[in-house]
Protein backbone atom coordinates (compact mmCIF):
# COMPACT_ATOMS: atom_id res chain seq x y z
CA MET A 1 -10.67 1.38 7.86
CA VAL A 2 -10.08 4.79 9.41
CA ALA A 3 -6.66 5.08 7.77
CA LEU A 4 -8.13 3.84 4.53
CA LEU A 5 -10.68 6.62 4.52
CA ALA A 6 -8.50 9.30 5.79
CA ALA A 7 -5.24 8.90 3.96
CA PRO A 8 -5.86 11.89 1.63
CA LEU A 9 -6.76 14.12 4.51
CA ALA A 10 -3.29 14.16 5.96
CA ALA A 11 -2.20 16.03 2.88
CA LEU A 12 -3.97 19.15 4.08
CA PRO A 13 -1.99 22.37 4.18
CA ALA A 14 -0.50 23.46 7.42
CA ALA A 15 0.16 26.93 8.74
CA ALA A 16 0.25 28.38 12.22
CA ALA A 17 -2.98 30.31 11.68
CA TRP A 18 -5.10 27.45 10.25
CA GLU A 19 -7.04 24.50 11.65
CA LEU A 20 -9.49 21.97 10.27
CA ASP A 21 -13.17 22.64 10.87
CA PRO A 22 -14.40 19.25 12.19
CA ALA A 23 -18.02 19.97 11.24
CA GLN A 24 -17.03 20.34 7.57
CA SER A 25 -14.08 17.97 7.20
CA ARG A 26 -14.49 14.40 6.02
CA VAL A 27 -13.08 11.72 3.78
CA ALA A 28 -15.25 9.18 1.95
CA ALA A 29 -14.28 5.84 0.43
CA THR A 30 -16.06 3.25 -1.64
CA VAL A 31 -15.19 -0.30 -0.61
CA VAL A 32 -16.37 -3.06 -2.94
CA GLN A 33 -17.15 -6.24 -1.06
CA LEU A 34 -16.49 -9.35 -3.15
CA ALA A 35 -19.43 -11.60 -2.29
CA PRO A 36 -20.74 -14.85 -3.85
CA GLU A 37 -23.68 -12.90 -5.34
CA GLY A 38 -21.29 -10.41 -6.95
CA PRO A 39 -19.52 -7.14 -6.07
CA ILE A 40 -21.33 -4.94 -3.53
CA PRO A 41 -20.10 -1.30 -3.32
CA ARG A 42 -20.44 0.39 0.07
CA GLN A 43 -19.71 3.98 1.09
CA HIS A 44 -17.82 4.76 4.29
CA GLU A 45 -16.83 8.08 5.86
CA VAL A 46 -14.41 9.42 8.40
CA ARG A 47 -15.93 12.60 9.85
CA ARG A 48 -15.13 15.28 12.40
CA LEU A 49 -11.53 15.46 11.25
CA SER A 50 -9.53 17.91 13.29
CA GLY A 51 -5.99 19.17 13.46
CA THR A 52 -4.07 22.39 13.92
CA ALA A 53 -1.12 23.32 11.76
CA GLU A 54 2.28 23.98 13.34
CA ALA A 55 4.23 27.13 12.49
CA ASP A 56 6.59 25.18 10.20
CA GLY A 57 3.68 23.82 8.16
CA THR A 58 3.45 20.39 9.79
CA LEU A 59 0.04 18.81 10.32
CA VAL A 60 -0.24 15.65 12.43
CA LEU A 61 -3.62 13.99 12.26
CA PRO A 62 -4.42 11.01 14.50
CA LEU A 63 -7.42 9.08 13.17
CA ARG A 64 -9.76 7.21 15.50
CA LEU A 65 -12.39 4.59 14.83
CA ALA A 66 -14.89 6.82 16.67
CA GLN A 67 -14.61 9.36 13.82
CA SER A 68 -15.86 6.86 11.26
CA ASP A 69 -19.30 5.59 10.38
CA VAL A 70 -18.16 2.13 11.52
CA ILE A 71 -19.62 2.58 15.01
CA GLU A 72 -22.98 3.72 13.60
CA ARG A 73 -23.10 0.62 11.39
CA MET A 74 -22.10 -1.76 14.19
CA GLY A 75 -24.27 -0.27 16.93
CA PRO A 76 -23.20 0.12 20.56
CA LEU A 77 -20.00 -1.67 21.45
CA PRO A 78 -19.60 -3.68 24.64
CA PRO A 79 -18.03 -1.64 27.48
CA TRP A 80 -14.75 -3.53 27.26
CA LEU A 81 -14.33 -2.29 23.65
CA SER A 82 -15.32 1.34 24.23
CA GLY A 83 -11.72 2.53 24.76
CA PHE A 84 -10.74 0.90 21.48
CA THR A 85 -12.72 3.47 19.47
CA GLU A 86 -10.76 6.43 20.88
CA ARG A 87 -7.31 4.94 20.30
CA PRO A 88 -5.59 6.22 17.15
CA MET A 89 -5.83 3.59 14.41
CA ALA A 90 -3.48 5.57 12.15
CA THR A 91 -1.53 8.80 12.29
CA LEU A 92 -1.11 10.91 9.17
CA THR A 93 1.59 13.56 8.84
CA THR A 94 2.36 16.07 6.10
CA ARG A 95 4.02 19.44 5.62
CA PHE A 96 2.81 22.32 3.45
CA PRO A 97 4.56 25.66 2.80
CA PRO A 98 2.33 27.98 4.89
CA GLU A 99 3.31 31.07 2.90
CA ARG A 100 1.71 29.65 -0.28
CA LEU A 101 -1.63 29.24 1.46
CA GLU A 102 -1.41 32.73 2.96
CA ARG A 103 -0.77 34.29 -0.51
CA LEU A 104 -3.67 32.46 -2.19
CA PRO A 105 -6.30 35.05 -3.28
CA VAL A 106 -10.01 34.54 -2.57
CA GLY A 107 -11.66 32.62 -5.43
CA GLU A 108 -8.36 31.09 -6.60
CA SER A 109 -7.06 27.53 -6.31
CA LEU A 110 -3.66 25.93 -6.23
CA VAL A 111 -2.56 22.34 -6.50
CA GLU A 112 0.31 21.03 -4.40
CA VAL A 113 1.84 17.59 -4.37
CA LEU A 114 2.49 16.89 -0.71
CA MET A 115 4.41 14.04 0.86
CA LEU A 116 2.04 12.04 3.04
CA SER A 117 3.28 9.75 5.81
CA VAL A 118 0.84 7.15 7.16
CA GLN A 119 1.66 5.23 10.32
CA THR A 120 -0.44 2.20 11.28
CA GLY A 121 0.75 -0.15 13.98
CA ASN A 122 4.47 -0.70 13.47
CA SER A 123 4.56 0.28 9.80
CA THR A 124 5.01 3.67 8.19
CA ARG A 125 4.74 4.41 4.51
CA SER A 126 5.11 7.66 2.59
CA GLU A 127 3.73 8.65 -0.77
CA PRO A 128 3.00 11.82 -2.75
CA LEU A 129 -0.56 13.13 -2.92
CA ALA A 130 -1.92 15.93 -5.15
CA VAL A 131 -4.28 18.21 -3.21
CA ARG A 132 -6.30 21.24 -4.41
CA PHE A 133 -6.67 24.25 -2.09
CA THR A 134 -9.44 26.75 -2.95
CA ARG A 135 -9.65 30.03 -1.04
CA GLU A 136 -13.39 30.58 -0.41
CA SER A 137 -12.94 33.62 1.85
CA PRO A 138 -10.11 35.28 3.79
CA GLU A 139 -10.94 32.95 6.70
CA ARG A 140 -11.71 29.72 4.82
CA VAL A 141 -9.92 27.32 2.45
CA ARG A 142 -11.57 24.20 0.97
CA VAL A 143 -9.31 21.18 0.46
CA THR A 144 -10.12 18.42 -2.04
CA ASN A 145 -8.35 15.76 -4.10
CA ALA A 146 -6.62 17.27 -7.13
CA GLU A 147 -6.57 13.89 -8.86
CA ARG A 148 -8.37 10.60 -8.54
CA VAL A 149 -7.14 8.69 -5.49
CA ALA A 150 -7.59 4.94 -5.16
CA LEU A 151 -5.98 2.85 -2.47
CA ASP A 152 -4.79 -0.68 -3.19
CA GLY A 153 -7.32 -3.12 -1.71
CA ARG A 154 -4.70 -5.88 -1.41
CA GLU A 155 -2.40 -3.62 0.63
CA LEU A 156 -5.28 -2.62 2.88
CA MET A 157 -6.16 -6.25 3.59
CA ALA A 158 -2.47 -7.02 4.24
CA ASP A 159 -2.23 -4.39 7.01
CA PRO A 160 -3.17 -6.15 10.30
CA THR A 161 -4.86 -3.08 11.83
CA LEU A 162 -6.91 -2.24 8.76
CA ARG A 163 -7.75 -5.88 8.11
CA SER A 164 -9.18 -6.14 11.65
CA VAL A 165 -11.45 -3.16 11.05
CA LEU A 166 -12.51 -4.46 7.63
CA LEU A 167 -13.31 -7.87 9.14
CA LEU A 168 -15.38 -6.16 11.87
CA LEU A 169 -17.39 -4.58 9.07
CA GLY A 170 -17.98 -7.97 7.46
CA TYR A 171 -15.48 -7.68 4.62
CA GLU A 172 -13.72 -10.97 3.96
CA GLN A 173 -12.59 -9.91 0.49
CA ILE A 174 -12.57 -6.48 -1.13
CA GLY A 175 -11.94 -5.16 -4.63
CA ASP A 176 -8.50 -4.23 -5.90
CA GLU A 177 -9.23 -0.48 -5.72
CA VAL A 178 -10.79 1.68 -3.00
CA PRO A 179 -11.56 5.17 -4.41
CA VAL A 180 -11.18 7.92 -1.81
CA SER A 181 -12.43 11.52 -1.87
CA LEU A 182 -11.52 14.37 0.43
CA ASP A 183 -13.74 17.33 1.33
CA ALA A 184 -12.32 19.39 4.18
CA VAL A 185 -12.29 23.02 5.29
CA LEU A 186 -9.46 24.94 6.90
CA VAL A 187 -10.44 27.97 8.96
CA ARG A 188 -8.26 30.74 10.31
CA ARG A 189 -7.71 30.45 14.05
């Protein structure tokens, strides 16, 4: 579930002088549960996203169950499961040309198609993702989806790690599409 919600976030720009502001960085997804009484849409979030860009523009973002609203929905976990929430469920990696972000004037936006790599368990997949960067001040850049993003519900249920999280949340079947939206803020270090 964490990877599901956070896939677009890994497409954030990277530069040596920038880092994600965890208090203002999140990804939301709408999962439609297919139930006997009909489809039931539910919102989920991955919050407190953090990562620091490397000098070459690489951003590596491990995503943990503890960052999601899953724990709030489930309530306190038994002690033997507490370490499970801090283990990375997925790791997202991308690279952005840092010089483009540095040259972006305040009040302006740019759209970049970044290559996003998502690793869950033993599988890694890469795909392009269009991301919009808006310079709000010299010290702050907002990052959002540039286009509609929807993950394939069948692929999510086929991934053993994500399926386990979805089952924990009570999802036996989900819709074919899971729309995802990104709202994150990069701040100058």
